[in-house]
């Protein structure tokens, strides 16, 4: 009987022990997932600083004294004295029109002016003898003045029936040839002045970059023609209105050749250093969870040190292992770096130091 009793008690003890073990396992099963699903992360501090953004644009070298030359009056081109690529001096004759018609117009105007002058004198004498009226004298005087101005116009057109170089430079393009009929103002030559220090690069910038640029800001210019020789530039003009075609603001940078030979059309890259400072927040590049152009996302740990917050940020620039943020991290002291690639807005984290 005692053996049966002891065996029964042993079975009860084993059953109780088994039940307690099962309860412990279920308790662990309930509480363990929270610990198992926690993502281990590390935090890094952020720093606030100021910087002047470096702006990069490209364009082509041009002369500040480029000119499209044409005849003032129309006519048949009689002679062209230069060809493309020729170097010309200021005042040099480049082309002339056939002067037959123009000279005839000058002679016609001169004879008309002489006749008007004789008529005015005759009427004045008759008026002094009280034969002609005051009205006749005034009409004759007016006609004389009109004829005189007509002669001046004809002589002016005669003077500009030839094209002269406005600056020392190079003939880049000869658009018309001898024997062609040139309309008044029709382009005949495209001339590039080469005074030596009037080379510029023009390009359009966005409204945000326009707002931080100032006259006199320094620039560094790199030309494909001289890959290992940087050139100094200065912002010389800033447009006060946007281009209607593309909405950008034209900037002109004066480039100093420093004795190097420049030519119109040389391709260059301009790096501008504005004087206006901007406030940014620097974070490790590992903290950037996502990025698309100038926008991205960063995660921070909540006050409970278990949950996370997702912040949309605006990126200013990348520099080595740092990212400059201009918007989205106000009053943030630390950001998540290690483990950020596994996070979502519902993630639970385990912060380690």
Protein backbone atom coordinates (compact mmCIF):
# COMPACT_ATOMS: atom_id res chain seq x y z
CA UNK A 1 0.00 0.00 0.00
CA UNK A 2 2.85 2.38 0.84
CA UNK A 3 4.52 1.67 -2.48
CA UNK A 4 1.34 2.54 -4.32
CA UNK A 5 1.02 5.78 -2.32
CA UNK A 6 4.62 6.80 -3.02
CA UNK A 7 4.22 6.05 -6.71
CA UNK A 8 1.05 8.13 -6.87
CA UNK A 9 2.74 11.06 -5.09
CA UNK A 10 5.67 10.85 -7.50
CA UNK A 11 3.31 11.05 -10.45
CA UNK A 12 1.58 14.11 -8.96
CA UNK A 13 4.93 15.85 -8.41
CA UNK A 14 5.98 15.11 -11.99
CA UNK A 15 2.66 16.41 -13.31
CA UNK A 16 3.03 19.64 -11.30
CA UNK A 17 6.61 20.10 -12.51
CA UNK A 18 5.54 19.51 -16.13
CA UNK A 19 2.69 22.01 -15.77
CA UNK A 20 5.02 24.67 -14.29
CA UNK A 21 7.51 24.13 -17.11
CA UNK A 22 4.78 24.51 -19.73
CA UNK A 23 3.58 27.73 -18.11
CA UNK A 24 7.11 29.12 -18.14
CA UNK A 25 7.47 28.23 -21.82
CA UNK A 26 4.15 29.88 -22.67
CA UNK A 27 5.15 32.98 -20.70
CA UNK A 28 8.39 33.11 -22.63
CA UNK A 29 6.49 32.57 -25.85
CA UNK A 30 4.33 35.57 -25.05
CA UNK A 31 7.10 37.94 -23.92
CA UNK A 32 9.98 36.75 -26.09
CA UNK A 33 8.84 38.13 -29.53
CA UNK A 34 9.26 41.73 -28.37
CA UNK A 35 12.92 41.10 -27.59
CA UNK A 36 13.48 38.95 -30.65
CA UNK A 37 11.95 41.52 -33.08
CA UNK A 38 13.86 44.52 -31.67
CA UNK A 39 16.37 45.91 -34.19
CA UNK A 40 19.75 46.79 -32.79
CA UNK A 41 20.72 50.35 -33.72
CA UNK A 42 23.38 52.90 -32.93
CA UNK A 43 23.04 56.66 -32.60
CA UNK A 44 25.37 59.41 -33.80
CA UNK A 45 25.25 63.10 -32.84
CA UNK A 46 24.41 65.85 -35.35
CA UNK A 47 26.20 69.20 -35.66
CA UNK A 48 24.95 72.60 -36.78
CA UNK A 49 27.20 74.80 -38.91
CA UNK A 50 27.15 77.50 -41.58
CA UNK A 51 28.46 77.18 -45.10
CA UNK A 52 28.50 78.95 -48.44
CA UNK A 53 27.17 76.56 -51.08
CA UNK A 54 29.41 75.83 -54.07
CA UNK A 55 27.40 76.25 -57.28
CA UNK A 56 28.44 74.46 -60.47
CA UNK A 57 27.33 75.49 -63.93
CA UNK A 58 28.66 75.10 -67.46
CA UNK A 59 28.80 77.31 -70.52
CA UNK A 60 30.88 78.41 -73.48
CA UNK A 61 33.54 81.09 -73.63
CA UNK A 62 32.45 84.22 -75.50
CA UNK A 63 33.77 87.71 -76.05
CA UNK A 64 32.09 90.62 -74.34
CA UNK A 65 32.56 92.65 -77.54
CA UNK A 66 30.98 90.28 -80.05
CA UNK A 67 29.17 92.09 -82.86
CA UNK A 68 27.01 91.31 -85.88
CA UNK A 69 27.97 93.80 -88.58
CA UNK A 70 25.67 94.88 -91.43
CA UNK A 71 25.07 97.66 -93.95
CA UNK A 72 22.91 100.57 -92.88
CA UNK A 73 21.29 100.79 -96.31
CA UNK A 74 20.46 98.08 -98.83
CA UNK A 75 22.26 97.36 -102.08
CA UNK A 76 24.42 95.00 -104.10
CA UNK A 77 27.63 93.93 -102.31
CA UNK A 78 30.50 95.11 -104.49
CA UNK A 79 33.59 93.96 -102.56
CA UNK A 80 34.34 91.83 -99.50
CA UNK A 81 37.91 92.32 -98.29
CA UNK A 82 38.16 89.65 -95.56
CA UNK A 83 37.40 85.97 -95.05
CA UNK A 84 36.53 83.85 -92.03
CA UNK A 85 39.36 83.59 -89.51
CA UNK A 86 41.03 86.86 -90.55
CA UNK A 87 42.23 89.19 -87.81
CA UNK A 88 41.03 92.76 -88.29
CA UNK A 89 41.84 96.13 -86.76
CA UNK A 90 39.44 98.75 -85.50
CA UNK A 91 38.25 100.93 -88.41
CA UNK A 92 39.39 98.52 -91.13
CA UNK A 93 37.06 98.32 -94.18
CA UNK A 94 35.51 94.86 -94.42
CA UNK A 95 33.01 95.25 -97.28
CA UNK A 96 31.40 97.85 -99.54
CA UNK A 97 28.22 98.17 -101.60
CA UNK A 98 27.98 99.11 -105.25
CA UNK A 99 27.92 102.90 -104.99
CA UNK A 100 26.18 103.68 -108.31
CA UNK A 101 22.70 104.09 -106.89
CA UNK A 102 23.83 105.59 -103.61
CA UNK A 103 26.02 108.22 -105.29
CA UNK A 104 23.15 109.10 -107.63
CA UNK A 105 20.87 109.61 -104.63
CA UNK A 106 23.45 111.94 -103.08
CA UNK A 107 23.72 113.97 -106.32
CA UNK A 108 19.95 114.14 -106.61
CA UNK A 109 19.61 115.37 -103.05
CA UNK A 110 22.40 117.93 -103.57
CA UNK A 111 20.74 119.38 -106.65
CA UNK A 112 17.39 119.52 -104.89
CA UNK A 113 19.02 121.37 -101.99
CA UNK A 114 20.65 123.89 -104.35
CA UNK A 115 17.37 124.59 -106.14
CA UNK A 116 15.52 125.01 -102.83
CA UNK A 117 18.19 127.46 -101.68
CA UNK A 118 17.86 129.54 -104.91
CA UNK A 119 14.08 129.55 -104.61
CA UNK A 120 14.29 130.70 -101.00
CA UNK A 121 16.61 133.58 -101.92
CA UNK A 122 14.36 134.65 -104.83
CA UNK A 123 11.23 134.65 -102.67
CA UNK A 124 13.04 136.55 -99.94
CA UNK A 125 14.01 139.27 -102.42
CA UNK A 126 10.44 139.46 -103.71
CA UNK A 127 9.19 139.67 -100.13
CA UNK A 128 11.57 142.55 -99.45
CA UNK A 129 10.10 144.30 -102.51
CA UNK A 130 6.60 143.55 -101.14
CA UNK A 131 5.84 141.37 -104.17
CA UNK A 132 5.76 138.00 -102.35
CA UNK A 133 3.72 137.31 -99.27
CA UNK A 134 5.05 136.19 -95.87
CA UNK A 135 3.42 132.79 -96.40
CA UNK A 136 5.34 132.28 -99.66
CA UNK A 137 8.60 133.19 -97.92
CA UNK A 138 7.92 130.78 -95.06
CA UNK A 139 7.02 127.95 -97.47
CA UNK A 140 10.20 128.51 -99.49
CA UNK A 141 12.32 128.58 -96.31
CA UNK A 142 10.74 125.31 -95.09
CA UNK A 143 11.35 123.65 -98.44
CA UNK A 144 14.99 124.71 -98.27
CA UNK A 145 15.39 123.15 -94.82
CA UNK A 146 13.71 119.90 -95.95
CA UNK A 147 16.00 119.64 -98.97
CA UNK A 148 19.05 120.30 -96.80
CA UNK A 149 18.08 117.51 -94.39
CA UNK A 150 17.45 115.18 -97.33
CA UNK A 151 20.99 115.80 -98.55
CA UNK A 152 22.36 115.06 -95.09
CA UNK A 153 20.47 111.74 -95.01
CA UNK A 154 21.79 110.77 -98.43
CA UNK A 155 25.39 111.55 -97.40
CA UNK A 156 24.93 109.58 -94.16
CA UNK A 157 23.74 106.53 -96.11
CA UNK A 158 26.69 106.98 -98.45
CA UNK A 159 29.04 106.91 -95.49
CA UNK A 160 27.53 103.67 -94.13
CA UNK A 161 27.48 101.90 -97.49
CA UNK A 162 30.60 100.17 -96.22
CA UNK A 163 31.29 98.01 -93.17
CA UNK A 164 34.20 98.80 -90.89
CA UNK A 165 35.49 96.79 -87.91
CA UNK A 166 34.26 98.21 -84.62
CA UNK A 167 37.00 96.53 -82.54
CA UNK A 168 40.22 94.62 -82.96
CA UNK A 169 39.10 91.06 -83.42
CA UNK A 170 38.51 88.05 -85.62
CA UNK A 171 35.99 87.34 -88.37
CA UNK A 172 34.13 84.33 -86.98
CA UNK A 173 31.48 84.08 -89.68
CA UNK A 174 31.05 85.57 -93.17
CA UNK A 175 27.35 85.30 -93.91
CA UNK A 176 27.09 86.96 -97.35
CA UNK A 177 29.25 87.09 -100.47
CA UNK A 178 30.02 89.54 -103.27
CA UNK A 179 27.17 90.10 -105.71
CA UNK A 180 24.41 89.35 -103.21
CA UNK A 181 21.65 91.82 -102.47
CA UNK A 182 21.98 92.96 -98.87
CA UNK A 183 18.89 94.28 -97.18
CA UNK A 184 19.26 97.14 -94.66
CA UNK A 185 20.49 95.67 -91.37
CA UNK A 186 20.94 92.13 -92.74
CA UNK A 187 23.92 90.39 -91.03
CA UNK A 188 27.04 90.17 -93.17
CA UNK A 189 29.80 89.41 -90.62
CA UNK A 190 29.93 87.98 -87.11
CA UNK A 191 32.99 89.47 -85.44
CA UNK A 192 34.57 88.55 -82.12
CA UNK A 193 36.52 91.26 -80.35
CA UNK A 194 39.74 90.13 -78.66
CA UNK A 195 40.90 93.02 -76.56
CA UNK A 196 42.56 90.48 -74.24
CA UNK A 197 40.52 90.67 -71.04
CA UNK A 198 36.89 90.74 -72.20
CA UNK A 199 36.24 86.97 -72.20
CA UNK A 200 33.11 85.83 -70.39
CA UNK A 201 30.96 82.75 -69.76
CA UNK A 202 27.19 83.21 -69.68
CA UNK A 203 24.75 80.68 -68.22
CA UNK A 204 21.34 80.53 -66.56
CA UNK A 205 20.79 79.78 -62.86
CA UNK A 206 17.75 78.90 -60.79
CA UNK A 207 15.95 81.46 -58.63
CA UNK A 208 17.40 79.96 -55.42
CA UNK A 209 20.97 80.29 -56.69
CA UNK A 210 20.27 83.76 -58.10
CA UNK A 211 19.22 84.91 -54.61
CA UNK A 212 22.62 84.09 -53.05
CA UNK A 213 24.87 85.42 -55.83
CA UNK A 214 26.36 88.91 -55.70
CA UNK A 215 28.41 91.01 -58.11
CA UNK A 216 32.09 90.41 -57.48
CA UNK A 217 31.69 86.83 -56.20
CA UNK A 218 34.75 84.80 -57.14
CA UNK A 219 34.58 81.81 -59.44
CA UNK A 220 36.89 79.06 -60.60
CA UNK A 221 36.68 78.17 -64.29
CA UNK A 222 37.86 74.88 -65.78
CA UNK A 223 38.16 74.59 -69.57
CA UNK A 224 38.27 71.32 -71.48
CA UNK A 225 40.94 72.85 -73.73
CA UNK A 226 43.22 73.34 -70.70
CA UNK A 227 42.25 70.49 -68.34
CA UNK A 228 45.05 71.03 -65.80
CA UNK A 229 44.96 74.82 -65.63
CA UNK A 230 42.18 76.49 -63.60
CA UNK A 231 41.28 80.11 -64.35
CA UNK A 232 40.00 82.87 -62.11
CA UNK A 233 36.58 84.39 -62.74
CA UNK A 234 34.44 87.16 -61.25
CA UNK A 235 30.67 87.57 -61.45
CA UNK A 236 30.33 90.68 -63.61
CA UNK A 237 26.59 90.72 -64.43
CA UNK A 238 23.45 89.37 -62.77
CA UNK A 239 20.16 89.52 -64.65
CA UNK A 240 17.34 91.32 -62.86
CA UNK A 241 14.65 89.33 -64.68
CA UNK A 242 14.08 85.73 -65.71
CA UNK A 243 14.47 84.54 -69.28
CA UNK A 244 11.00 84.14 -70.78
CA UNK A 245 12.04 81.00 -72.68
CA UNK A 246 13.45 78.85 -69.85
CA UNK A 247 12.73 80.74 -66.62
CA UNK A 248 16.40 81.00 -65.57
CA UNK A 249 18.39 84.09 -64.62
CA UNK A 250 21.44 84.85 -66.78
CA UNK A 251 24.77 85.21 -64.98
CA UNK A 252 27.91 86.52 -66.65
CA UNK A 253 31.32 85.56 -65.28
CA UNK A 254 34.37 87.45 -66.52
CA UNK A 255 37.28 85.05 -67.07
CA UNK A 256 40.92 86.15 -66.85
CA UNK A 257 42.99 84.32 -69.51
CA UNK A 258 46.34 84.93 -67.76
CA UNK A 259 48.20 84.96 -71.08
CA UNK A 260 46.49 81.85 -72.46
CA UNK A 261 44.90 81.96 -75.91
CA UNK A 262 41.08 81.85 -75.73
CA UNK A 263 38.57 81.40 -78.53
CA UNK A 264 34.82 81.73 -78.76
CA UNK A 265 33.01 78.48 -78.00
CA UNK A 266 35.50 76.86 -75.60
CA UNK A 267 33.47 74.73 -73.17
CA UNK A 268 33.98 75.41 -69.48
CA UNK A 269 32.67 74.52 -66.02
CA UNK A 270 32.20 77.32 -63.49
CA UNK A 271 32.32 76.85 -59.72
CA UNK A 272 30.83 79.80 -57.89
CA UNK A 273 31.42 80.61 -54.22
CA UNK A 274 28.62 82.92 -52.97
CA UNK A 275 29.32 85.18 -50.02
CA UNK A 276 25.93 84.48 -48.42
CA UNK A 277 26.15 81.89 -45.60
CA UNK A 278 23.48 79.23 -45.03
CA UNK A 279 22.69 77.30 -41.83
CA UNK A 280 22.84 73.50 -42.18
CA UNK A 281 22.82 70.36 -40.01
CA UNK A 282 25.57 67.82 -40.67
CA UNK A 283 24.79 64.12 -40.16
CA UNK A 284 26.76 60.95 -41.01
CA UNK A 285 26.00 59.68 -44.49
CA UNK A 286 25.03 56.31 -42.97
CA UNK A 287 22.02 57.99 -41.33
CA UNK A 288 20.39 58.68 -44.69
CA UNK A 289 17.80 55.91 -45.06
CA UNK A 290 16.51 56.99 -48.48
CA UNK A 291 17.48 59.72 -50.92
CA UNK A 292 16.09 61.05 -54.19
CA UNK A 293 17.86 64.11 -55.55
CA UNK A 294 17.62 66.82 -52.90
CA UNK A 295 15.18 64.97 -50.59
CA UNK A 296 15.57 61.99 -48.25
CA UNK A 297 14.54 60.36 -44.96
CA UNK A 298 16.27 60.06 -41.59
CA UNK A 299 15.26 58.05 -38.48
CA UNK A 300 15.52 59.12 -34.85
CA UNK A 301 14.70 57.30 -31.60
CA UNK A 302 11.61 58.30 -29.61
CA UNK A 303 11.63 59.39 -25.98
CA UNK A 304 10.89 55.83 -24.83
CA UNK A 305 14.14 54.68 -26.49
CA UNK A 306 12.19 51.85 -28.17
CA UNK A 307 10.18 53.39 -31.02
CA UNK A 308 11.46 55.39 -33.99
CA UNK A 309 10.41 58.53 -35.88
CA UNK A 310 10.83 59.07 -39.64
CA UNK A 311 11.86 62.58 -40.76
CA UNK A 312 11.63 63.93 -44.32
CA UNK A 313 14.70 66.11 -44.92
CA UNK A 314 16.01 68.46 -47.60
CA UNK A 315 19.61 67.81 -48.66
CA UNK A 316 21.97 70.70 -49.42
CA UNK A 317 25.05 68.75 -50.45
CA UNK A 318 27.18 65.66 -49.78
CA UNK A 319 30.74 66.07 -48.57
CA UNK A 320 32.89 62.98 -47.97
CA UNK A 321 31.15 61.05 -45.15
CA UNK A 322 28.73 63.85 -44.19
CA UNK A 323 25.33 65.01 -45.45
CA UNK A 324 24.25 68.64 -45.05
CA UNK A 325 20.56 68.99 -44.19
CA UNK A 326 18.84 72.37 -44.56
CA UNK A 327 15.36 71.35 -43.44
CA UNK A 328 13.70 68.57 -41.45
CA UNK A 329 15.93 68.05 -38.38
CA UNK A 330 14.99 70.97 -36.15
CA UNK A 331 15.82 70.31 -32.46
CA UNK A 332 17.21 66.85 -33.27
CA UNK A 333 20.36 65.91 -31.33
CA UNK A 334 21.02 62.34 -32.54
CA UNK A 335 20.14 60.22 -35.57
CA UNK A 336 20.20 56.46 -36.15
CA UNK A 337 23.11 55.20 -38.23
CA UNK A 338 23.77 51.46 -37.77
CA UNK A 339 20.67 49.41 -38.55
CA UNK A 340 18.83 52.21 -40.34
CA UNK A 341 18.39 50.07 -43.46
CA UNK A 342 16.05 47.68 -41.58
CA UNK A 343 13.78 50.31 -40.05
CA UNK A 344 10.18 51.23 -40.74
CA UNK A 345 7.93 53.63 -38.87
CA UNK A 346 6.58 50.70 -36.79
CA UNK A 347 9.95 49.21 -35.87
CA UNK A 348 11.01 48.53 -32.28
CA UNK A 349 14.69 49.18 -31.60
CA UNK A 350 17.35 48.27 -29.06
CA UNK A 351 19.82 51.15 -28.71
CA UNK A 352 23.39 50.17 -27.99
CA UNK A 353 26.28 52.45 -27.19
